[in-house]
Amino acid sequence: MEMEPVTMTARTPLQQLMMEKALAMAEELERAGAAAPDGHVLEDLEVLAVARGRDFTRGALEGALQRQVDEVEKKLRRAACADAGKGGVTKGRRRAKS
């Protein structure tokens, strides 16, 4: 069944990656369903869907976690640069003149 194309907008790299993976998974399921022998369509598609769904979910989790790691590292770098930029003068005790 043909449909009118739909435009979707990804707001993050992870969203874009997951949209692309979802489309690829749907296309693979359609191809597998068309190629499956009579009486095996449900079984073949179920096995494929579970495997690809697991990969999809793992990729989403990895991408979301990596984004959080990147954000924390970015904050740490900014904090380190701010501390280094202060460049305070170290003052010690003066020696008494003899």
PDB file of N, CA and C in Angstrom:
ATOM      1  N   MET A   1       0.840  -1.174   0.000  1.00  0.00           N
ATOM      2  CA  MET A   1       0.000   0.000   0.000  1.00  0.00           C
ATOM      3  C   MET A   1       0.892   1.246   0.000  1.00  0.00           C
ATOM      4  N   GLU A   2       0.754   2.041  -1.002  1.00  0.00           N
ATOM      5  CA  GLU A   2       1.540   3.274  -1.112  1.00  0.00           C
ATOM      6  C   GLU A   2       0.864   4.396  -0.339  1.00  0.00           C
ATOM      7  N   MET A   3       1.691   5.237   0.260  1.00  0.00           N
ATOM      8  CA  MET A   3       1.194   6.393   1.012  1.00  0.00           C
ATOM      9  C   MET A   3       1.913   7.640   0.522  1.00  0.00           C
ATOM     10  N   GLU A   4       1.354   8.750   0.870  1.00  0.00           N
ATOM     11  CA  GLU A   4       2.037  10.021   0.610  1.00  0.00           C
ATOM     12  C   GLU A   4       3.243  10.096   1.547  1.00  0.00           C
ATOM     13  N   PRO A   5       4.375  10.601   1.076  1.00  0.00           N
ATOM     14  CA  PRO A   5       5.544  10.744   1.941  1.00  0.00           C
ATOM     15  C   PRO A   5       5.241  11.668   3.124  1.00  0.00           C
ATOM     16  N   VAL A   6       5.834  11.350   4.254  1.00  0.00           N
ATOM     17  CA  VAL A   6       5.676  12.140   5.468  1.00  0.00           C
ATOM     18  C   VAL A   6       7.039  12.727   5.823  1.00  0.00           C
ATOM     19  N   THR A   7       7.055  13.993   6.164  1.00  0.00           N
ATOM     20  CA  THR A   7       8.293  14.637   6.562  1.00  0.00           C
ATOM     21  C   THR A   7       8.347  14.693   8.081  1.00  0.00           C
ATOM     22  N   MET A   8       9.448  14.207   8.624  1.00  0.00           N
ATOM     23  CA  MET A   8       9.658  14.256  10.067  1.00  0.00           C
ATOM     24  C   MET A   8      10.931  15.041  10.328  1.00  0.00           C
ATOM     25  N   THR A   9      10.974  15.738  11.441  1.00  0.00           N
ATOM     26  CA  THR A   9      12.128  16.545  11.788  1.00  0.00           C
ATOM     27  C   THR A   9      12.785  15.998  13.046  1.00  0.00           C
ATOM     28  N   ALA A  10      14.048  15.671  12.925  1.00  0.00           N
ATOM     29  CA  ALA A  10      14.820  15.229  14.084  1.00  0.00           C
ATOM     30  C   ALA A  10      15.450  16.458  14.726  1.00  0.00           C
ATOM     31  N   ARG A  11      15.379  16.520  16.028  1.00  0.00           N
ATOM     32  CA  ARG A  11      15.934  17.674  16.744  1.00  0.00           C
ATOM     33  C   ARG A  11      17.312  17.376  17.338  1.00  0.00           C
ATOM     34  N   THR A  12      17.680  16.094  17.343  1.00  0.00           N
ATOM     35  CA  THR A  12      18.991  15.703  17.872  1.00  0.00           C
ATOM     36  C   THR A  12      19.580  14.625  16.960  1.00  0.00           C
ATOM     37  N   PRO A  13      20.891  14.438  17.028  1.00  0.00           N
ATOM     38  CA  PRO A  13      21.500  13.360  16.241  1.00  0.00           C
ATOM     39  C   PRO A  13      20.924  11.986  16.606  1.00  0.00           C
ATOM     40  N   LEU A  14      20.623  11.775  17.874  1.00  0.00           N
ATOM     41  CA  LEU A  14      20.040  10.494  18.288  1.00  0.00           C
ATOM     42  C   LEU A  14      18.671  10.289  17.654  1.00  0.00           C
ATOM     43  N   GLN A  15      17.847  11.317  17.644  1.00  0.00           N
ATOM     44  CA  GLN A  15      16.532  11.206  17.009  1.00  0.00           C
ATOM     45  C   GLN A  15      16.676  10.872  15.532  1.00  0.00           C
ATOM     46  N   GLN A  16      17.598  11.509  14.859  1.00  0.00           N
ATOM     47  CA  GLN A  16      17.809  11.236  13.438  1.00  0.00           C
ATOM     48  C   GLN A  16      18.237   9.795  13.226  1.00  0.00           C
ATOM     49  N   LEU A  17      19.180   9.331  14.036  1.00  0.00           N
ATOM     50  CA  LEU A  17      19.662   7.960  13.918  1.00  0.00           C
ATOM     51  C   LEU A  17      18.525   6.963  14.157  1.00  0.00           C
ATOM     52  N   MET A  18      17.710   7.203  15.175  1.00  0.00           N
ATOM     53  CA  MET A  18      16.634   6.270  15.494  1.00  0.00           C
ATOM     54  C   MET A  18      15.546   6.295  14.413  1.00  0.00           C
ATOM     55  N   MET A  19      15.285   7.440  13.836  1.00  0.00           N
ATOM     56  CA  MET A  19      14.306   7.514  12.745  1.00  0.00           C
ATOM     57  C   MET A  19      14.804   6.719  11.538  1.00  0.00           C
ATOM     58  N   GLU A  20      16.079   6.856  11.230  1.00  0.00           N
ATOM     59  CA  GLU A  20      16.653   6.116  10.104  1.00  0.00           C
ATOM     60  C   GLU A  20      16.621   4.612  10.366  1.00  0.00           C
ATOM     61  N   LYS A  21      16.948   4.212  11.600  1.00  0.00           N
ATOM     62  CA  LYS A  21      16.931   2.789  11.943  1.00  0.00           C
ATOM     63  C   LYS A  21      15.512   2.221  11.906  1.00  0.00           C
ATOM     64  N   ALA A  22      14.551   2.994  12.376  1.00  0.00           N
ATOM     65  CA  ALA A  22      13.161   2.524  12.355  1.00  0.00           C
ATOM     66  C   ALA A  22      12.680   2.324  10.924  1.00  0.00           C
ATOM     67  N   LEU A  23      13.012   3.242  10.050  1.00  0.00           N
ATOM     68  CA  LEU A  23      12.632   3.114   8.644  1.00  0.00           C
ATOM     69  C   LEU A  23      13.300   1.894   8.006  1.00  0.00           C
ATOM     70  N   ALA A  24      14.580   1.704   8.290  1.00  0.00           N
ATOM     71  CA  ALA A  24      15.299   0.550   7.743  1.00  0.00           C
ATOM     72  C   ALA A  24      14.697  -0.758   8.266  1.00  0.00           C
ATOM     73  N   MET A  25      14.308  -0.769   9.542  1.00  0.00           N
ATOM     74  CA  MET A  25      13.699  -1.966  10.122  1.00  0.00           C
ATOM     75  C   MET A  25      12.357  -2.266   9.466  1.00  0.00           C
ATOM     76  N   ALA A  26      11.552  -1.254   9.249  1.00  0.00           N
ATOM     77  CA  ALA A  26      10.248  -1.447   8.603  1.00  0.00           C
ATOM     78  C   ALA A  26      10.423  -1.978   7.180  1.00  0.00           C
ATOM     79  N   GLU A  27      11.378  -1.418   6.465  1.00  0.00           N
ATOM     80  CA  GLU A  27      11.633  -1.877   5.093  1.00  0.00           C
ATOM     81  C   GLU A  27      12.099  -3.333   5.090  1.00  0.00           C
ATOM     82  N   GLU A  28      12.958  -3.697   6.041  1.00  0.00           N
ATOM     83  CA  GLU A  28      13.445  -5.073   6.122  1.00  0.00           C
ATOM     84  C   GLU A  28      12.296  -6.036   6.439  1.00  0.00           C
ATOM     85  N   LEU A  29      11.405  -5.630   7.351  1.00  0.00           N
ATOM     86  CA  LEU A  29      10.253  -6.480   7.680  1.00  0.00           C
ATOM     87  C   LEU A  29       9.335  -6.659   6.475  1.00  0.00           C
ATOM     88  N   GLU A  30       9.139  -5.585   5.717  1.00  0.00           N
ATOM     89  CA  GLU A  30       8.294  -5.691   4.518  1.00  0.00           C
ATOM     90  C   GLU A  30       8.907  -6.656   3.499  1.00  0.00           C
ATOM     91  N   ARG A  31      10.211  -6.540   3.292  1.00  0.00           N
ATOM     92  CA  ARG A  31      10.888  -7.443   2.350  1.00  0.00           C
ATOM     93  C   ARG A  31      10.820  -8.891   2.826  1.00  0.00           C
ATOM     94  N   ALA A  32      11.063  -9.090   4.111  1.00  0.00           N
ATOM     95  CA  ALA A  32      11.047 -10.449   4.664  1.00  0.00           C
ATOM     96  C   ALA A  32       9.646 -11.046   4.586  1.00  0.00           C
ATOM     97  N   GLY A  33       8.635 -10.233   4.831  1.00  0.00           N
ATOM     98  CA  GLY A  33       7.264 -10.728   4.746  1.00  0.00           C
ATOM     99  C   GLY A  33       6.904 -11.141   3.333  1.00  0.00           C
ATOM    100  N   ALA A  34       7.357 -10.368   2.376  1.00  0.00           N
ATOM    101  CA  ALA A  34       7.068 -10.681   0.976  1.00  0.00           C
ATOM    102  C   ALA A  34       7.818 -11.935   0.519  1.00  0.00           C
ATOM    103  N   ALA A  35       8.989 -12.180   1.103  1.00  0.00           N
ATOM    104  CA  ALA A  35       9.807 -13.314   0.683  1.00  0.00           C
ATOM    105  C   ALA A  35       9.520 -14.589   1.477  1.00  0.00           C
ATOM    106  N   ALA A  36       8.801 -14.487   2.581  1.00  0.00           N
ATOM    107  CA  ALA A  36       8.559 -15.656   3.430  1.00  0.00           C
ATOM    108  C   ALA A  36       7.637 -16.649   2.724  1.00  0.00           C
ATOM    109  N   PRO A  37       7.931 -17.921   2.878  1.00  0.00           N
ATOM    110  CA  PRO A  37       7.067 -18.935   2.260  1.00  0.00           C
ATOM    111  C   PRO A  37       5.705 -18.992   2.956  1.00  0.00           C
ATOM    112  N   ASP A  38       4.698 -19.426   2.223  1.00  0.00           N
ATOM    113  CA  ASP A  38       3.358 -19.552   2.785  1.00  0.00           C
ATOM    114  C   ASP A  38       3.406 -20.384   4.068  1.00  0.00           C
ATOM    115  N   GLY A  39       2.669 -19.930   5.042  1.00  0.00           N
ATOM    116  CA  GLY A  39       2.612 -20.646   6.305  1.00  0.00           C
ATOM    117  C   GLY A  39       3.735 -20.302   7.273  1.00  0.00           C
ATOM    118  N   HIS A  40       4.694 -19.472   6.831  1.00  0.00           N
ATOM    119  CA  HIS A  40       5.833 -19.121   7.688  1.00  0.00           C
ATOM    120  C   HIS A  40       5.975 -17.608   7.880  1.00  0.00           C
ATOM    121  N   VAL A  41       5.041 -16.861   7.363  1.00  0.00           N
ATOM    122  CA  VAL A  41       5.159 -15.396   7.419  1.00  0.00           C
ATOM    123  C   VAL A  41       5.216 -14.914   8.869  1.00  0.00           C
ATOM    124  N   LEU A  42       4.265 -15.320   9.675  1.00  0.00           N
ATOM    125  CA  LEU A  42       4.224 -14.858  11.065  1.00  0.00           C
ATOM    126  C   LEU A  42       5.496 -15.257  11.814  1.00  0.00           C
ATOM    127  N   GLU A  43       5.887 -16.497  11.692  1.00  0.00           N
ATOM    128  CA  GLU A  43       7.070 -16.991  12.402  1.00  0.00           C
ATOM    129  C   GLU A  43       8.327 -16.242  11.956  1.00  0.00           C
ATOM    130  N   ASP A  44       8.516 -16.115  10.658  1.00  0.00           N
ATOM    131  CA  ASP A  44       9.709 -15.444  10.138  1.00  0.00           C
ATOM    132  C   ASP A  44       9.758 -13.974  10.558  1.00  0.00           C
ATOM    133  N   LEU A  45       8.611 -13.295  10.454  1.00  0.00           N
ATOM    134  CA  LEU A  45       8.581 -11.875  10.806  1.00  0.00           C
ATOM    135  C   LEU A  45       8.740 -11.667  12.310  1.00  0.00           C
ATOM    136  N   GLU A  46       8.177 -12.574  13.094  1.00  0.00           N
ATOM    137  CA  GLU A  46       8.302 -12.447  14.539  1.00  0.00           C
ATOM    138  C   GLU A  46       9.763 -12.575  14.972  1.00  0.00           C
ATOM    139  N   VAL A  47      10.466 -13.563  14.446  1.00  0.00           N
ATOM    140  CA  VAL A  47      11.879 -13.757  14.775  1.00  0.00           C
ATOM    141  C   VAL A  47      12.687 -12.521  14.372  1.00  0.00           C
ATOM    142  N   LEU A  48      12.440 -12.032  13.167  1.00  0.00           N
ATOM    143  CA  LEU A  48      13.159 -10.854  12.681  1.00  0.00           C
ATOM    144  C   LEU A  48      12.817  -9.613  13.508  1.00  0.00           C
ATOM    145  N   ALA A  49      11.540  -9.417  13.803  1.00  0.00           N
ATOM    146  CA  ALA A  49      11.111  -8.235  14.564  1.00  0.00           C
ATOM    147  C   ALA A  49      11.708  -8.221  15.969  1.00  0.00           C
ATOM    148  N   VAL A  50      11.743  -9.362  16.618  1.00  0.00           N
ATOM    149  CA  VAL A  50      12.313  -9.430  17.963  1.00  0.00           C
ATOM    150  C   VAL A  50      13.808  -9.116  17.922  1.00  0.00           C
ATOM    151  N   ALA A  51      14.519  -9.707  16.976  1.00  0.00           N
ATOM    152  CA  ALA A  51      15.959  -9.461  16.871  1.00  0.00           C
ATOM    153  C   ALA A  51      16.252  -8.001  16.546  1.00  0.00           C
ATOM    154  N   ARG A  52      15.559  -7.470  15.548  1.00  0.00           N
ATOM    155  CA  ARG A  52      15.804  -6.072  15.157  1.00  0.00           C
ATOM    156  C   ARG A  52      15.309  -5.109  16.234  1.00  0.00           C
ATOM    157  N   GLY A  53      14.229  -5.458  16.886  1.00  0.00           N
ATOM    158  CA  GLY A  53      13.714  -4.619  17.975  1.00  0.00           C
ATOM    159  C   GLY A  53      14.700  -4.533  19.128  1.00  0.00           C
ATOM    160  N   ARG A  54      15.338  -5.653  19.422  1.00  0.00           N
ATOM    161  CA  ARG A  54      16.356  -5.677  20.479  1.00  0.00           C
ATOM    162  C   ARG A  54      17.527  -4.778  20.079  1.00  0.00           C
ATOM    163  N   ASP A  55      17.979  -4.893  18.837  1.00  0.00           N
ATOM    164  CA  ASP A  55      19.073  -4.040  18.348  1.00  0.00           C
ATOM    165  C   ASP A  55      18.674  -2.566  18.382  1.00  0.00           C
ATOM    166  N   PHE A  56      17.432  -2.291  17.977  1.00  0.00           N
ATOM    167  CA  PHE A  56      16.925  -0.924  17.950  1.00  0.00           C
ATOM    168  C   PHE A  56      16.923  -0.334  19.360  1.00  0.00           C
ATOM    169  N   THR A  57      16.400  -1.100  20.309  1.00  0.00           N
ATOM    170  CA  THR A  57      16.330  -0.631  21.690  1.00  0.00           C
ATOM    171  C   THR A  57      17.716  -0.429  22.275  1.00  0.00           C
ATOM    172  N   ARG A  58      18.624  -1.363  22.008  1.00  0.00           N
ATOM    173  CA  ARG A  58      19.998  -1.229  22.493  1.00  0.00           C
ATOM    174  C   ARG A  58      20.645   0.026  21.918  1.00  0.00           C
ATOM    175  N   GLY A  59      20.442   0.272  20.640  1.00  0.00           N
ATOM    176  CA  GLY A  59      20.998   1.470  20.012  1.00  0.00           C
ATOM    177  C   GLY A  59      20.436   2.748  20.598  1.00  0.00           C
ATOM    178  N   ALA A  60      19.140   2.746  20.885  1.00  0.00           N
ATOM    179  CA  ALA A  60      18.513   3.929  21.491  1.00  0.00           C
ATOM    180  C   ALA A  60      19.092   4.188  22.877  1.00  0.00           C
ATOM    181  N   LEU A  61      19.233   3.132  23.654  1.00  0.00           N
ATOM    182  CA  LEU A  61      19.788   3.264  24.997  1.00  0.00           C
ATOM    183  C   LEU A  61      21.228   3.742  24.947  1.00  0.00           C
ATOM    184  N   GLU A  62      22.039   3.132  24.083  1.00  0.00           N
ATOM    185  CA  GLU A  62      23.437   3.544  23.954  1.00  0.00           C
ATOM    186  C   GLU A  62      23.549   5.003  23.530  1.00  0.00           C
ATOM    187  N   GLY A  63      22.716   5.398  22.571  1.00  0.00           N
ATOM    188  CA  GLY A  63      22.753   6.779  22.094  1.00  0.00           C
ATOM    189  C   GLY A  63      22.348   7.770  23.173  1.00  0.00           C
ATOM    190  N   ALA A  64      21.309   7.431  23.932  1.00  0.00           N
ATOM    191  CA  ALA A  64      20.850   8.324  25.006  1.00  0.00           C
ATOM    192  C   ALA A  64      21.896   8.430  26.103  1.00  0.00           C
ATOM    193  N   LEU A  65      22.496   7.308  26.462  1.00  0.00           N
ATOM    194  CA  LEU A  65      23.541   7.328  27.496  1.00  0.00           C
ATOM    195  C   LEU A  65      24.763   8.107  27.024  1.00  0.00           C
ATOM    196  N   GLN A  66      25.145   7.920  25.760  1.00  0.00           N
ATOM    197  CA  GLN A  66      26.307   8.639  25.240  1.00  0.00           C
ATOM    198  C   GLN A  66      26.061  10.141  25.249  1.00  0.00           C
ATOM    199  N   ARG A  67      24.839  10.538  24.943  1.00  0.00           N
ATOM    200  CA  ARG A  67      24.517  11.969  24.968  1.00  0.00           C
ATOM    201  C   ARG A  67      24.696  12.530  26.373  1.00  0.00           C
ATOM    202  N   GLN A  68      24.283  11.764  27.385  1.00  0.00           N
ATOM    203  CA  GLN A  68      24.449  12.213  28.766  1.00  0.00           C
ATOM    204  C   GLN A  68      25.931  12.296  29.138  1.00  0.00           C
ATOM    205  N   VAL A  69      26.707  11.311  28.726  1.00  0.00           N
ATOM    206  CA  VAL A  69      28.147  11.325  28.986  1.00  0.00           C
ATOM    207  C   VAL A  69      28.783  12.547  28.334  1.00  0.00           C
ATOM    208  N   ASP A  70      28.414  12.830  27.099  1.00  0.00           N
ATOM    209  CA  ASP A  70      28.958  13.988  26.392  1.00  0.00           C
ATOM    210  C   ASP A  70      28.619  15.287  27.119  1.00  0.00           C
ATOM    211  N   GLU A  71      27.399  15.393  27.624  1.00  0.00           N
ATOM    212  CA  GLU A  71      26.989  16.603  28.341  1.00  0.00           C
ATOM    213  C   GLU A  71      27.796  16.787  29.628  1.00  0.00           C
ATOM    214  N   VAL A  72      27.997  15.695  30.370  1.00  0.00           N
ATOM    215  CA  VAL A  72      28.773  15.776  31.608  1.00  0.00           C
ATOM    216  C   VAL A  72      30.217  16.155  31.299  1.00  0.00           C
ATOM    217  N   GLU A  73      30.806  15.534  30.287  1.00  0.00           N
ATOM    218  CA  GLU A  73      32.181  15.861  29.916  1.00  0.00           C
ATOM    219  C   GLU A  73      32.308  17.314  29.490  1.00  0.00           C
ATOM    220  N   LYS A  74      31.314  17.802  28.779  1.00  0.00           N
ATOM    221  CA  LYS A  74      31.320  19.199  28.339  1.00  0.00           C
ATOM    222  C   LYS A  74      31.299  20.139  29.548  1.00  0.00           C
ATOM    223  N   LYS A  75      30.456  19.827  30.524  1.00  0.00           N
ATOM    224  CA  LYS A  75      30.382  20.648  31.739  1.00  0.00           C
ATOM    225  C   LYS A  75      31.693  20.605  32.514  1.00  0.00           C
ATOM    226  N   LEU A  76      32.293  19.425  32.584  1.00  0.00           N
ATOM    227  CA  LEU A  76      33.566  19.296  33.299  1.00  0.00           C
ATOM    228  C   LEU A  76      34.672  20.084  32.612  1.00  0.00           C
ATOM    229  N   ARG A  77      34.698  20.049  31.272  1.00  0.00           N
ATOM    230  CA  ARG A  77      35.717  20.823  30.538  1.00  0.00           C
ATOM    231  C   ARG A  77      35.534  22.322  30.780  1.00  0.00           C
ATOM    232  N   ARG A  78      34.263  22.763  30.754  1.00  0.00           N
ATOM    233  CA  ARG A  78      34.011  24.191  31.000  1.00  0.00           C
ATOM    234  C   ARG A  78      34.440  24.588  32.405  1.00  0.00           C
ATOM    235  N   ALA A  79      34.149  23.738  33.371  1.00  0.00           N
ATOM    236  CA  ALA A  79      34.523  24.031  34.752  1.00  0.00           C
ATOM    237  C   ALA A  79      36.043  24.066  34.898  1.00  0.00           C
ATOM    238  N   ALA A  80      36.728  23.132  34.255  1.00  0.00           N
ATOM    239  CA  ALA A  80      38.193  23.098  34.325  1.00  0.00           C
ATOM    240  C   ALA A  80      38.795  24.339  33.679  1.00  0.00           C
ATOM    241  N   CYS A  81      38.235  24.763  32.555  1.00  0.00           N
ATOM    242  CA  CYS A  81      38.738  25.967  31.879  1.00  0.00           C
ATOM    243  C   CYS A  81      38.485  27.203  32.726  1.00  0.00           C
ATOM    244  N   ALA A  82      37.336  27.257  33.378  1.00  0.00           N
ATOM    245  CA  ALA A  82      37.012  28.410  34.218  1.00  0.00           C
ATOM    246  C   ALA A  82      37.956  28.481  35.413  1.00  0.00           C
ATOM    247  N   ASP A  83      38.260  27.350  36.025  1.00  0.00           N
ATOM    248  CA  ASP A  83      39.176  27.322  37.157  1.00  0.00           C
ATOM    249  C   ASP A  83      40.585  27.705  36.718  1.00  0.00           C
ATOM    250  N   ALA A  84      41.027  27.212  35.578  1.00  0.00           N
ATOM    251  CA  ALA A  84      42.362  27.514  35.080  1.00  0.00           C
ATOM    252  C   ALA A  84      42.462  28.982  34.682  1.00  0.00           C
ATOM    253  N   GLY A  85      41.362  29.551  34.208  1.00  0.00           N
ATOM    254  CA  GLY A  85      41.364  30.933  33.754  1.00  0.00           C
ATOM    255  C   GLY A  85      41.435  31.942  34.879  1.00  0.00           C
ATOM    256  N   LYS A  86      41.115  31.538  36.096  1.00  0.00           N
ATOM    257  CA  LYS A  86      41.150  32.461  37.232  1.00  0.00           C
ATOM    258  C   LYS A  86      42.570  32.896  37.531  1.00  0.00           C
ATOM    259  N   GLY A  87      43.500  31.979  37.440  1.00  0.00           N
ATOM    260  CA  GLY A  87      44.921  32.300  37.587  1.00  0.00           C
ATOM    261  C   GLY A  87      45.245  33.162  38.779  1.00  0.00           C
ATOM    262  N   GLY A  88      44.764  32.814  39.920  1.00  0.00           N
ATOM    263  CA  GLY A  88      45.016  33.597  41.128  1.00  0.00           C
ATOM    264  C   GLY A  88      46.498  33.670  41.467  1.00  0.00           C
ATOM    265  N   VAL A  89      46.879  34.707  42.175  1.00  0.00           N
ATOM    266  CA  VAL A  89      48.265  34.887  42.594  1.00  0.00           C
ATOM    267  C   VAL A  89      48.416  34.226  43.949  1.00  0.00           C
ATOM    268  N   THR A  90      49.451  33.448  44.083  1.00  0.00           N
ATOM    269  CA  THR A  90      49.718  32.796  45.359  1.00  0.00           C
ATOM    270  C   THR A  90      50.557  33.730  46.204  1.00  0.00           C
ATOM    271  N   LYS A  91      50.086  34.003  47.378  1.00  0.00           N
ATOM    272  CA  LYS A  91      50.821  34.890  48.280  1.00  0.00           C
ATOM    273  C   LYS A  91      51.327  34.086  49.458  1.00  0.00           C
ATOM    274  N   GLY A  92      52.580  34.258  49.742  1.00  0.00           N
ATOM    275  CA  GLY A  92      53.164  33.598  50.895  1.00  0.00           C
ATOM    276  C   GLY A  92      53.496  34.635  51.974  1.00  0.00           C
ATOM    277  N   ARG A  93      53.957  34.155  53.080  1.00  0.00           N
ATOM    278  CA  ARG A  93      54.338  35.091  54.138  1.00  0.00           C
ATOM    279  C   ARG A  93      55.632  35.784  53.769  1.00  0.00           C
ATOM    280  N   ARG A  94      55.702  37.037  54.100  1.00  0.00           N
ATOM    281  CA  ARG A  94      56.938  37.787  53.837  1.00  0.00           C
ATOM    282  C   ARG A  94      57.950  37.500  54.923  1.00  0.00           C
ATOM    283  N   ARG A  95      59.177  37.458  54.497  1.00  0.00           N
ATOM    284  CA  ARG A  95      60.257  37.279  55.484  1.00  0.00           C
ATOM    285  C   ARG A  95      60.558  38.604  56.154  1.00  0.00           C
ATOM    286  N   ALA A  96      60.819  38.507  57.374  1.00  0.00           N
ATOM    287  CA  ALA A  96      61.182  39.729  58.130  1.00  0.00           C
ATOM    288  C   ALA A  96      62.593  40.166  57.736  1.00  0.00           C
ATOM    289  N   LYS A  97      62.780  41.476  57.642  1.00  0.00           N
ATOM    290  CA  LYS A  97      64.112  41.993  57.311  1.00  0.00           C
ATOM    291  C   LYS A  97      64.978  41.921  58.551  1.00  0.00           C
ATOM    292  N   SER A  98      66.218  41.517  58.325  1.00  0.00           N
ATOM    293  CA  SER A  98      67.103  41.471  59.477  1.00  0.00           C
ATOM    294  C   SER A  98      68.068  42.622  59.496  1.00  0.00           C
TER     295      SER A  98
END
